[in-house]
Amino acid sequence: MKKSLIAVAVAAALPAAAFAQTSVTLYGVADLSLSKANQGGKTQMSGNGLLNNGNGRIGVRGTEDLGGGLKASFNYEQGINGESGATDATTFQRQANMSLSGKFGALKMGRALTPSFYGVAAYELTGAANYTALGNMFGWAGSGARNNSQWAYTTPTMGGFEATLGYITDADNGGNNKVDANAIYRGGPLVVGLSYNKVQGAADAGWALGGKYAFGMVTVAASYQDPSDARKGFTLGGSAKLGPMQLTIDAARDTGDPSNYAKSTDYIVELLYPLSKRTTVYAAAHRDGSTKTNTTGLGVRHNF
């Protein structure tokens, strides 16, 4: 009886607007590893480094049902280094946006992952891990992972196909507007992603085209990457289920202008072992072909 009276009192104290919120979710990632580089490197703990599966973070997101299939959403996400407790220089550097979605698709506004990132991540084999060979070599079609001040419209999914068009005005981008877009197809075992981005006044656009195909327990992936600079090339790799474990081997080859970038190949070998649906032990070995650096690591990732 006492608990019921307390609940009624708390409910009465909250503004009516609070009850319109359909859902608010607190979520995050805790990720720590031990890593070691060659050339005399020593074993050390890594929080948000190259040999982490992903950066630590905590975020809050929510969705309000406005009726008629229309929804309003928000997402704020803060990076946290589990090794030291340090946070990103900008409080919500990872995500700070709101969106409206419905039968028409979705319109997202603010700081968010770029359409080019999503187009590449659709077929990237490590799930865009920190140690990804593709991402470290080509930088998500040259666009980077996030844009500030971005307006992005995503179409409804039609027959497995969807597309996103992002735009940043010149006033919000140092005097030069930016277009950032993708087109993604997901149909059964096949995924194909196209990314494109262009800053006004830049000599070149950045783009990437790739895909992956699942043959039962084995998935193969390949792509062509042409960021808006001299670095360009291709990727090739595969993943295989080994009982509960997953083994991934991926390579990114730079074939660009050697006067700006030395031709080189990056590799990643990753082994995942799930302890539960939310906690995974991983081992990874990364090769940076430009610096001839080999780095290995063993870590744990927990999603909450």
C-alpha atoms as a PDB file:
ATOM      1  CA  MET A   1       0.000   0.000   0.000  1.00  0.00           C
ATOM      2  CA  LYS A   2       2.805   2.384   0.947  1.00  0.00           C
ATOM      3  CA  LYS A   3       4.619   1.732  -2.375  1.00  0.00           C
ATOM      4  CA  SER A   4       1.405   2.448  -4.308  1.00  0.00           C
ATOM      5  CA  LEU A   5       0.925   5.772  -2.509  1.00  0.00           C
ATOM      6  CA  ILE A   6       4.549   6.739  -3.245  1.00  0.00           C
ATOM      7  CA  ALA A   7       4.106   5.888  -6.921  1.00  0.00           C
ATOM      8  CA  VAL A   8       0.943   8.009  -7.103  1.00  0.00           C
ATOM      9  CA  ALA A   9       2.716  10.911  -5.407  1.00  0.00           C
ATOM     10  CA  VAL A  10       5.665  10.733  -7.817  1.00  0.00           C
ATOM     11  CA  ALA A  11       3.340  10.522 -10.812  1.00  0.00           C
ATOM     12  CA  ALA A  12       1.415  13.576  -9.619  1.00  0.00           C
ATOM     13  CA  ALA A  13       4.667  15.533  -9.284  1.00  0.00           C
ATOM     14  CA  LEU A  14       5.753  14.878 -12.876  1.00  0.00           C
ATOM     15  CA  PRO A  15       4.632  17.185 -15.687  1.00  0.00           C
ATOM     16  CA  ALA A  16       1.995  15.828 -18.028  1.00  0.00           C
ATOM     17  CA  ALA A  17       4.455  16.013 -20.939  1.00  0.00           C
ATOM     18  CA  ALA A  18       6.557  13.266 -19.361  1.00  0.00           C
ATOM     19  CA  PHE A  19       3.855  10.700 -20.054  1.00  0.00           C
ATOM     20  CA  ALA A  20       3.833  11.437 -23.766  1.00  0.00           C
ATOM     21  CA  GLN A  21       7.327   9.952 -24.054  1.00  0.00           C
ATOM     22  CA  THR A  22       6.905   6.423 -25.372  1.00  0.00           C
ATOM     23  CA  SER A  23      10.358   5.232 -24.365  1.00  0.00           C
ATOM     24  CA  VAL A  24      13.683   6.511 -23.067  1.00  0.00           C
ATOM     25  CA  THR A  25      16.660   4.147 -23.048  1.00  0.00           C
ATOM     26  CA  LEU A  26      20.020   4.435 -21.305  1.00  0.00           C
ATOM     27  CA  TYR A  27      22.653   2.375 -23.135  1.00  0.00           C
ATOM     28  CA  GLY A  28      26.378   2.085 -23.600  1.00  0.00           C
ATOM     29  CA  VAL A  29      29.524   0.086 -24.272  1.00  0.00           C
ATOM     30  CA  ALA A  30      32.358  -0.920 -21.930  1.00  0.00           C
ATOM     31  CA  ASP A  31      35.457  -2.112 -23.791  1.00  0.00           C
ATOM     32  CA  LEU A  32      38.966  -2.767 -22.484  1.00  0.00           C
ATOM     33  CA  SER A  33      41.874  -4.725 -23.926  1.00  0.00           C
ATOM     34  CA  LEU A  34      45.542  -5.533 -23.510  1.00  0.00           C
ATOM     35  CA  SER A  35      47.586  -4.668 -26.593  1.00  0.00           C
ATOM     36  CA  LYS A  36      51.172  -4.838 -27.758  1.00  0.00           C
ATOM     37  CA  ALA A  37      52.941  -3.431 -30.808  1.00  0.00           C
ATOM     38  CA  ASN A  38      56.111  -4.788 -32.394  1.00  0.00           C
ATOM     39  CA  GLN A  39      59.411  -2.873 -32.564  1.00  0.00           C
ATOM     40  CA  GLY A  40      59.971  -3.003 -28.813  1.00  0.00           C
ATOM     41  CA  GLY A  41      56.420  -2.189 -27.760  1.00  0.00           C
ATOM     42  CA  LYS A  42      55.269  -3.236 -24.294  1.00  0.00           C
ATOM     43  CA  THR A  43      51.964  -4.810 -23.307  1.00  0.00           C
ATOM     44  CA  GLN A  44      49.572  -2.153 -22.036  1.00  0.00           C
ATOM     45  CA  MET A  45      45.919  -1.619 -21.277  1.00  0.00           C
ATOM     46  CA  SER A  46      43.887   0.051 -24.008  1.00  0.00           C
ATOM     47  CA  GLY A  47      40.625   1.921 -23.491  1.00  0.00           C
ATOM     48  CA  ASN A  48      39.706   3.591 -26.782  1.00  0.00           C
ATOM     49  CA  GLY A  49      42.711   2.566 -28.868  1.00  0.00           C
ATOM     50  CA  LEU A  50      43.395   0.778 -32.117  1.00  0.00           C
ATOM     51  CA  LEU A  51      43.156  -2.683 -30.546  1.00  0.00           C
ATOM     52  CA  ASN A  52      39.758  -2.129 -28.947  1.00  0.00           C
ATOM     53  CA  ASN A  53      36.720  -3.553 -30.643  1.00  0.00           C
ATOM     54  CA  GLY A  54      34.985  -0.223 -30.014  1.00  0.00           C
ATOM     55  CA  ASN A  55      35.206   2.939 -27.954  1.00  0.00           C
ATOM     56  CA  GLY A  56      33.518   3.076 -24.565  1.00  0.00           C
ATOM     57  CA  ARG A  57      30.369   5.200 -24.452  1.00  0.00           C
ATOM     58  CA  ILE A  58      27.181   5.993 -22.625  1.00  0.00           C
ATOM     59  CA  GLY A  59      24.098   7.421 -24.264  1.00  0.00           C
ATOM     60  CA  VAL A  60      20.435   8.152 -23.932  1.00  0.00           C
ATOM     61  CA  ARG A  61      17.843   7.912 -26.677  1.00  0.00           C
ATOM     62  CA  GLY A  62      14.111   8.234 -26.742  1.00  0.00           C
ATOM     63  CA  THR A  63      11.106   8.078 -29.034  1.00  0.00           C
ATOM     64  CA  GLU A  64       7.709   9.710 -28.744  1.00  0.00           C
ATOM     65  CA  ASP A  65       4.739   8.337 -30.695  1.00  0.00           C
ATOM     66  CA  LEU A  66       2.970  11.356 -32.184  1.00  0.00           C
ATOM     67  CA  GLY A  67       0.178   9.306 -33.722  1.00  0.00           C
ATOM     68  CA  GLY A  68      -0.610   8.444 -37.304  1.00  0.00           C
ATOM     69  CA  GLY A  69       2.699   6.616 -37.674  1.00  0.00           C
ATOM     70  CA  LEU A  70       4.731   9.768 -36.957  1.00  0.00           C
ATOM     71  CA  LYS A  71       7.479   9.597 -34.321  1.00  0.00           C
ATOM     72  CA  ALA A  72       9.912  12.083 -32.809  1.00  0.00           C
ATOM     73  CA  SER A  73      13.270  10.783 -31.546  1.00  0.00           C
ATOM     74  CA  PHE A  74      16.485  12.034 -30.002  1.00  0.00           C
ATOM     75  CA  ASN A  75      19.948  10.615 -29.297  1.00  0.00           C
ATOM     76  CA  TYR A  76      22.774  12.002 -27.139  1.00  0.00           C
ATOM     77  CA  GLU A  77      25.940   9.914 -26.754  1.00  0.00           C
ATOM     78  CA  GLN A  78      29.106  10.569 -24.738  1.00  0.00           C
ATOM     79  CA  GLY A  79      32.453   8.815 -25.262  1.00  0.00           C
ATOM     80  CA  ILE A  80      34.133   7.348 -22.169  1.00  0.00           C
ATOM     81  CA  ASN A  81      37.594   5.800 -21.908  1.00  0.00           C
ATOM     82  CA  GLY A  82      37.261   2.849 -19.553  1.00  0.00           C
ATOM     83  CA  GLU A  83      41.003   2.834 -18.866  1.00  0.00           C
ATOM     84  CA  SER A  84      41.109   6.314 -17.316  1.00  0.00           C
ATOM     85  CA  GLY A  85      37.518   7.525 -17.035  1.00  0.00           C
ATOM     86  CA  ALA A  86      38.287  10.395 -19.429  1.00  0.00           C
ATOM     87  CA  THR A  87      35.464  11.660 -21.609  1.00  0.00           C
ATOM     88  CA  ASP A  88      35.432  13.257 -25.052  1.00  0.00           C
ATOM     89  CA  ALA A  89      36.428  16.929 -25.231  1.00  0.00           C
ATOM     90  CA  THR A  90      32.916  17.760 -26.435  1.00  0.00           C
ATOM     91  CA  THR A  91      30.347  16.255 -24.088  1.00  0.00           C
ATOM     92  CA  PHE A  92      28.093  14.573 -26.666  1.00  0.00           C
ATOM     93  CA  GLN A  93      30.702  14.263 -29.383  1.00  0.00           C
ATOM     94  CA  ARG A  94      29.466  10.888 -30.610  1.00  0.00           C
ATOM     95  CA  GLN A  95      25.788  11.726 -31.132  1.00  0.00           C
ATOM     96  CA  ALA A  96      23.656  14.834 -30.641  1.00  0.00           C
ATOM     97  CA  ASN A  97      20.617  14.792 -32.875  1.00  0.00           C
ATOM     98  CA  MET A  98      16.868  14.576 -33.221  1.00  0.00           C
ATOM     99  CA  SER A  99      14.671  13.094 -35.929  1.00  0.00           C
ATOM    100  CA  LEU A 100      11.152  12.770 -37.260  1.00  0.00           C
ATOM    101  CA  SER A 101      10.135   9.495 -38.875  1.00  0.00           C
ATOM    102  CA  GLY A 102       7.062   7.941 -40.408  1.00  0.00           C
ATOM    103  CA  LYS A 103       5.785   6.307 -43.576  1.00  0.00           C
ATOM    104  CA  PHE A 104       7.693   8.943 -45.550  1.00  0.00           C
ATOM    105  CA  GLY A 105      11.041   7.786 -44.130  1.00  0.00           C
ATOM    106  CA  ALA A 106      13.138   9.672 -41.587  1.00  0.00           C
ATOM    107  CA  LEU A 107      14.643  13.152 -41.293  1.00  0.00           C
ATOM    108  CA  LYS A 108      17.560  13.452 -38.831  1.00  0.00           C
ATOM    109  CA  MET A 109      19.136  16.766 -37.783  1.00  0.00           C
ATOM    110  CA  GLY A 110      22.335  17.497 -35.818  1.00  0.00           C
ATOM    111  CA  ARG A 111      25.610  15.677 -35.203  1.00  0.00           C
ATOM    112  CA  ALA A 112      25.391  12.109 -36.426  1.00  0.00           C
ATOM    113  CA  LEU A 113      27.175   9.325 -38.258  1.00  0.00           C
ATOM    114  CA  THR A 114      27.624  10.165 -41.924  1.00  0.00           C
ATOM    115  CA  PRO A 115      25.648   8.508 -44.722  1.00  0.00           C
ATOM    116  CA  SER A 116      29.012   7.507 -46.230  1.00  0.00           C
ATOM    117  CA  PHE A 117      29.873   5.687 -43.001  1.00  0.00           C
ATOM    118  CA  TYR A 118      26.623   3.709 -43.084  1.00  0.00           C
ATOM    119  CA  GLY A 119      27.144   2.856 -46.755  1.00  0.00           C
ATOM    120  CA  VAL A 120      30.564   1.338 -46.025  1.00  0.00           C
ATOM    121  CA  ALA A 121      29.637  -0.222 -42.672  1.00  0.00           C
ATOM    122  CA  ALA A 122      26.889  -2.194 -44.421  1.00  0.00           C
ATOM    123  CA  TYR A 123      29.522  -4.591 -45.810  1.00  0.00           C
ATOM    124  CA  GLU A 124      32.560  -4.000 -43.545  1.00  0.00           C
ATOM    125  CA  LEU A 125      33.280  -7.335 -41.846  1.00  0.00           C
ATOM    126  CA  THR A 126      34.333  -6.303 -38.312  1.00  0.00           C
ATOM    127  CA  GLY A 127      31.248  -4.187 -37.616  1.00  0.00           C
ATOM    128  CA  ALA A 128      33.306  -0.976 -37.917  1.00  0.00           C
ATOM    129  CA  ALA A 129      35.660  -1.993 -35.085  1.00  0.00           C
ATOM    130  CA  ASN A 130      38.491   0.351 -34.101  1.00  0.00           C
ATOM    131  CA  TYR A 131      40.958  -2.015 -35.756  1.00  0.00           C
ATOM    132  CA  THR A 132      39.106  -2.204 -39.085  1.00  0.00           C
ATOM    133  CA  ALA A 133      41.544  -2.386 -41.998  1.00  0.00           C
ATOM    134  CA  LEU A 134      39.059  -0.701 -44.332  1.00  0.00           C
ATOM    135  CA  GLY A 135      38.182   2.215 -42.059  1.00  0.00           C
ATOM    136  CA  ASN A 136      41.764   2.920 -41.001  1.00  0.00           C
ATOM    137  CA  MET A 137      43.023   2.862 -44.579  1.00  0.00           C
ATOM    138  CA  PHE A 138      40.254   4.759 -46.394  1.00  0.00           C
ATOM    139  CA  GLY A 139      38.294   6.613 -43.709  1.00  0.00           C
ATOM    140  CA  TRP A 140      34.711   5.708 -44.706  1.00  0.00           C
ATOM    141  CA  ALA A 141      34.931   6.887 -48.316  1.00  0.00           C
ATOM    142  CA  GLY A 142      36.954   9.865 -47.097  1.00  0.00           C
ATOM    143  CA  SER A 143      33.993  11.470 -45.362  1.00  0.00           C
ATOM    144  CA  GLY A 144      34.918  10.614 -41.792  1.00  0.00           C
ATOM    145  CA  ALA A 145      32.569   8.910 -39.368  1.00  0.00           C
ATOM    146  CA  ARG A 146      30.497  11.927 -38.252  1.00  0.00           C
ATOM    147  CA  ASN A 147      29.190  15.248 -39.510  1.00  0.00           C
ATOM    148  CA  ASN A 148      28.127  18.295 -37.532  1.00  0.00           C
ATOM    149  CA  SER A 149      25.054  20.333 -38.515  1.00  0.00           C
ATOM    150  CA  GLN A 150      23.824  17.578 -40.813  1.00  0.00           C
ATOM    151  CA  TRP A 151      20.370  17.285 -42.335  1.00  0.00           C
ATOM    152  CA  ALA A 152      19.844  13.696 -43.482  1.00  0.00           C
ATOM    153  CA  TYR A 153      16.783  12.166 -45.139  1.00  0.00           C
ATOM    154  CA  THR A 154      16.473   8.354 -45.307  1.00  0.00           C
ATOM    155  CA  THR A 155      13.904   6.744 -47.567  1.00  0.00           C
ATOM    156  CA  PRO A 156      11.573   3.960 -46.427  1.00  0.00           C
ATOM    157  CA  THR A 157      12.924   0.475 -47.164  1.00  0.00           C
ATOM    158  CA  MET A 158      11.521  -0.685 -50.503  1.00  0.00           C
ATOM    159  CA  GLY A 159      12.274  -4.212 -51.640  1.00  0.00           C
ATOM    160  CA  GLY A 160      15.419  -4.291 -49.538  1.00  0.00           C
ATOM    161  CA  PHE A 161      16.627  -0.936 -50.864  1.00  0.00           C
ATOM    162  CA  GLU A 162      17.042   2.329 -48.946  1.00  0.00           C
ATOM    163  CA  ALA A 163      19.009   5.523 -49.476  1.00  0.00           C
ATOM    164  CA  THR A 164      20.117   8.482 -47.379  1.00  0.00           C
ATOM    165  CA  LEU A 165      20.905  12.000 -48.552  1.00  0.00           C
ATOM    166  CA  GLY A 166      22.785  14.242 -46.128  1.00  0.00           C
ATOM    167  CA  TYR A 167      23.483  17.956 -46.510  1.00  0.00           C
ATOM    168  CA  ILE A 168      25.420  20.593 -44.578  1.00  0.00           C
ATOM    169  CA  THR A 169      24.961  24.246 -45.507  1.00  0.00           C
ATOM    170  CA  ASP A 170      27.943  26.401 -46.427  1.00  0.00           C
ATOM    171  CA  ALA A 171      27.370  28.559 -43.326  1.00  0.00           C
ATOM    172  CA  ASP A 172      27.768  25.446 -41.160  1.00  0.00           C
ATOM    173  CA  ASN A 173      30.782  24.065 -43.038  1.00  0.00           C
ATOM    174  CA  GLY A 174      33.383  26.813 -43.317  1.00  0.00           C
ATOM    175  CA  GLY A 175      31.810  28.445 -46.354  1.00  0.00           C
ATOM    176  CA  ASN A 176      31.512  25.267 -48.448  1.00  0.00           C
ATOM    177  CA  ASN A 177      28.427  23.088 -48.381  1.00  0.00           C
ATOM    178  CA  LYS A 178      28.749  19.318 -48.240  1.00  0.00           C
ATOM    179  CA  VAL A 179      26.677  16.533 -49.776  1.00  0.00           C
ATOM    180  CA  ASP A 180      26.951  13.084 -48.179  1.00  0.00           C
ATOM    181  CA  ALA A 181      24.864  10.165 -49.437  1.00  0.00           C
ATOM    182  CA  ASN A 182      24.468   6.417 -49.620  1.00  0.00           C
ATOM    183  CA  ALA A 183      22.390   3.704 -51.256  1.00  0.00           C
ATOM    184  CA  ILE A 184      22.125   0.309 -49.556  1.00  0.00           C
ATOM    185  CA  TYR A 185      20.531  -2.952 -50.695  1.00  0.00           C
ATOM    186  CA  ARG A 186      19.888  -5.838 -48.313  1.00  0.00           C
ATOM    187  CA  GLY A 187      18.313  -8.922 -49.824  1.00  0.00           C
ATOM    188  CA  GLY A 188      18.753 -12.344 -48.236  1.00  0.00           C
ATOM    189  CA  PRO A 189      22.453 -13.240 -48.210  1.00  0.00           C
ATOM    190  CA  LEU A 190      23.488 -10.190 -50.300  1.00  0.00           C
ATOM    191  CA  VAL A 191      24.330  -6.687 -49.032  1.00  0.00           C
ATOM    192  CA  VAL A 192      25.570  -3.910 -51.333  1.00  0.00           C
ATOM    193  CA  GLY A 193      26.494  -0.377 -50.298  1.00  0.00           C
ATOM    194  CA  LEU A 194      27.363   2.749 -52.291  1.00  0.00           C
ATOM    195  CA  SER A 195      28.755   5.868 -50.578  1.00  0.00           C
ATOM    196  CA  TYR A 196      29.318   9.349 -52.036  1.00  0.00           C
ATOM    197  CA  ASN A 197      30.417  12.671 -50.553  1.00  0.00           C
ATOM    198  CA  LYS A 198      31.511  16.017 -51.982  1.00  0.00           C
ATOM    199  CA  VAL A 199      32.535  19.313 -50.387  1.00  0.00           C
ATOM    200  CA  GLN A 200      31.856  22.379 -52.499  1.00  0.00           C
ATOM    201  CA  GLY A 201      35.084  23.647 -54.041  1.00  0.00           C
ATOM    202  CA  ALA A 202      36.986  20.383 -53.500  1.00  0.00           C
ATOM    203  CA  ALA A 203      38.695  18.987 -56.573  1.00  0.00           C
ATOM    204  CA  ASP A 204      37.357  15.467 -56.092  1.00  0.00           C
ATOM    205  CA  ALA A 205      34.414  13.659 -54.571  1.00  0.00           C
ATOM    206  CA  GLY A 206      34.859  10.644 -52.330  1.00  0.00           C
ATOM    207  CA  TRP A 207      33.039   7.418 -53.067  1.00  0.00           C
ATOM    208  CA  ALA A 208      33.071   3.706 -52.318  1.00  0.00           C
ATOM    209  CA  LEU A 209      31.215   0.658 -53.624  1.00  0.00           C
ATOM    210  CA  GLY A 210      31.236  -2.739 -51.973  1.00  0.00           C
ATOM    211  CA  GLY A 211      29.251  -5.724 -50.913  1.00  0.00           C
ATOM    212  CA  LYS A 212      29.201  -8.975 -49.003  1.00  0.00           C
ATOM    213  CA  TYR A 213      27.558 -12.340 -49.593  1.00  0.00           C
ATOM    214  CA  ALA A 214      26.826 -15.087 -47.088  1.00  0.00           C
ATOM    215  CA  PHE A 215      27.396 -18.668 -48.201  1.00  0.00           C
ATOM    216  CA  GLY A 216      25.903 -20.404 -45.194  1.00  0.00           C
ATOM    217  CA  MET A 217      28.504 -20.128 -42.399  1.00  0.00           C
ATOM    218  CA  VAL A 218      30.981 -18.180 -44.563  1.00  0.00           C
ATOM    219  CA  THR A 219      30.673 -14.546 -45.661  1.00  0.00           C
ATOM    220  CA  VAL A 220      32.913 -12.922 -48.259  1.00  0.00           C
ATOM    221  CA  ALA A 221      33.245  -9.184 -48.882  1.00  0.00           C
ATOM    222  CA  ALA A 222      34.976  -6.908 -51.374  1.00  0.00           C
ATOM    223  CA  SER A 223      34.954  -3.213 -52.218  1.00  0.00           C
ATOM    224  CA  TYR A 224      36.524  -0.443 -54.262  1.00  0.00           C
ATOM    225  CA  GLN A 225      37.450   2.728 -52.354  1.00  0.00           C
ATOM    226  CA  ASP A 226      38.196   6.154 -53.850  1.00  0.00           C
ATOM    227  CA  PRO A 227      38.293   8.873 -51.150  1.00  0.00           C
ATOM    228  CA  SER A 228      38.720  12.508 -52.166  1.00  0.00           C
ATOM    229  CA  ASP A 229      42.544  12.399 -52.069  1.00  0.00           C
ATOM    230  CA  ALA A 230      45.371  10.381 -53.598  1.00  0.00           C
ATOM    231  CA  ARG A 231      44.673   7.291 -51.495  1.00  0.00           C
ATOM    232  CA  LYS A 232      42.454   4.767 -53.236  1.00  0.00           C
ATOM    233  CA  GLY A 233      42.277   1.027 -53.649  1.00  0.00           C
ATOM    234  CA  PHE A 234      40.298  -2.064 -52.741  1.00  0.00           C
ATOM    235  CA  THR A 235      39.428  -4.430 -49.904  1.00  0.00           C
ATOM    236  CA  LEU A 236      38.931  -8.183 -49.804  1.00  0.00           C
ATOM    237  CA  GLY A 237      38.082 -10.453 -46.896  1.00  0.00           C
ATOM    238  CA  GLY A 238      35.904 -13.091 -45.336  1.00  0.00           C
ATOM    239  CA  SER A 239      34.320 -14.295 -42.096  1.00  0.00           C
ATOM    240  CA  ALA A 240      33.541 -17.820 -40.972  1.00  0.00           C
ATOM    241  CA  LYS A 241      31.529 -19.270 -38.092  1.00  0.00           C
ATOM    242  CA  LEU A 242      33.576 -21.794 -36.097  1.00  0.00           C
ATOM    243  CA  GLY A 243      31.014 -23.158 -33.673  1.00  0.00           C
ATOM    244  CA  PRO A 244      30.191 -20.272 -31.330  1.00  0.00           C
ATOM    245  CA  MET A 245      33.252 -18.315 -32.525  1.00  0.00           C
ATOM    246  CA  GLN A 246      33.652 -16.071 -35.563  1.00  0.00           C
ATOM    247  CA  LEU A 247      36.923 -15.636 -37.468  1.00  0.00           C
ATOM    248  CA  THR A 248      37.396 -12.626 -39.759  1.00  0.00           C
ATOM    249  CA  ILE A 249      40.303 -11.848 -42.074  1.00  0.00           C
ATOM    250  CA  ASP A 250      40.203  -8.600 -44.048  1.00  0.00           C
ATOM    251  CA  ALA A 251      42.738  -6.685 -46.135  1.00  0.00           C
ATOM    252  CA  ALA A 252      42.785  -3.129 -47.506  1.00  0.00           C
ATOM    253  CA  ARG A 253      45.185  -2.330 -50.349  1.00  0.00           C
ATOM    254  CA  ASP A 254      46.213   1.240 -51.199  1.00  0.00           C
ATOM    255  CA  THR A 255      46.957   1.617 -54.921  1.00  0.00           C
ATOM    256  CA  GLY A 256      46.980   5.432 -54.942  1.00  0.00           C
ATOM    257  CA  ASP A 257      49.572   7.979 -56.030  1.00  0.00           C
ATOM    258  CA  PRO A 258      52.899   6.918 -54.435  1.00  0.00           C
ATOM    259  CA  SER A 259      54.076  10.544 -54.374  1.00  0.00           C
ATOM    260  CA  ASN A 260      51.487  11.200 -51.656  1.00  0.00           C
ATOM    261  CA  TYR A 261      50.856   7.764 -50.156  1.00  0.00           C
ATOM    262  CA  ALA A 262      53.230   4.816 -50.252  1.00  0.00           C
ATOM    263  CA  LYS A 263      51.457   1.824 -51.689  1.00  0.00           C
ATOM    264  CA  SER A 264      50.718  -0.490 -48.807  1.00  0.00           C
ATOM    265  CA  THR A 265      48.343  -3.112 -47.450  1.00  0.00           C
ATOM    266  CA  ASP A 266      46.642  -3.190 -44.052  1.00  0.00           C
ATOM    267  CA  TYR A 267      45.402  -6.464 -42.567  1.00  0.00           C
ATOM    268  CA  ILE A 268      43.167  -7.447 -39.680  1.00  0.00           C
ATOM    269  CA  VAL A 269      42.619 -10.898 -38.206  1.00  0.00           C
ATOM    270  CA  GLU A 270      39.819 -11.003 -35.618  1.00  0.00           C
ATOM    271  CA  LEU A 271      38.429 -13.805 -33.461  1.00  0.00           C
ATOM    272  CA  LEU A 272      35.202 -13.285 -31.495  1.00  0.00           C
ATOM    273  CA  TYR A 273      33.858 -15.521 -28.740  1.00  0.00           C
ATOM    274  CA  PRO A 274      30.480 -14.582 -27.217  1.00  0.00           C
ATOM    275  CA  LEU A 275      30.080 -15.125 -23.487  1.00  0.00           C
ATOM    276  CA  SER A 276      26.470 -13.945 -23.745  1.00  0.00           C
ATOM    277  CA  LYS A 277      24.292 -11.888 -26.062  1.00  0.00           C
ATOM    278  CA  ARG A 278      25.883  -8.707 -24.716  1.00  0.00           C
ATOM    279  CA  THR A 279      29.428  -9.699 -23.738  1.00  0.00           C
ATOM    280  CA  THR A 280      32.153 -10.802 -26.165  1.00  0.00           C
ATOM    281  CA  VAL A 281      35.802 -11.763 -25.768  1.00  0.00           C
ATOM    282  CA  TYR A 282      37.905 -10.818 -28.778  1.00  0.00           C
ATOM    283  CA  ALA A 283      41.431 -11.257 -30.058  1.00  0.00           C
ATOM    284  CA  ALA A 284      42.807  -9.172 -32.912  1.00  0.00           C
ATOM    285  CA  ALA A 285      46.014  -8.751 -34.886  1.00  0.00           C
ATOM    286  CA  HIS A 286      46.436  -5.610 -37.012  1.00  0.00           C
ATOM    287  CA  ARG A 287      49.084  -4.813 -39.631  1.00  0.00           C
ATOM    288  CA  ASP A 288      49.709  -1.214 -40.729  1.00  0.00           C
ATOM    289  CA  GLY A 289      51.453  -1.547 -44.064  1.00  0.00           C
ATOM    290  CA  SER A 290      52.589   2.086 -44.194  1.00  0.00           C
ATOM    291  CA  THR A 291      54.494   2.042 -40.897  1.00  0.00           C
ATOM    292  CA  LYS A 292      55.242  -1.705 -40.867  1.00  0.00           C
ATOM    293  CA  THR A 293      53.630  -1.894 -37.421  1.00  0.00           C
ATOM    294  CA  ASN A 294      52.056  -5.101 -36.133  1.00  0.00           C
ATOM    295  CA  THR A 295      49.732  -4.770 -33.140  1.00  0.00           C
ATOM    296  CA  THR A 296      47.984  -7.581 -31.273  1.00  0.00           C
ATOM    297  CA  GLY A 297      45.353  -7.416 -28.583  1.00  0.00           C
ATOM    298  CA  LEU A 298      42.994  -9.382 -26.361  1.00  0.00           C
ATOM    299  CA  GLY A 299      39.913  -7.716 -24.902  1.00  0.00           C
ATOM    300  CA  VAL A 300      36.347  -7.823 -23.655  1.00  0.00           C
ATOM    301  CA  ARG A 301      33.379  -5.804 -24.878  1.00  0.00           C
ATOM    302  CA  HIS A 302      30.129  -5.473 -22.936  1.00  0.00           C
ATOM    303  CA  ASN A 303      27.051  -3.791 -24.380  1.00  0.00           C
ATOM    304  CA  PHE A 304      24.419  -2.535 -21.949  1.00  0.00           C
END
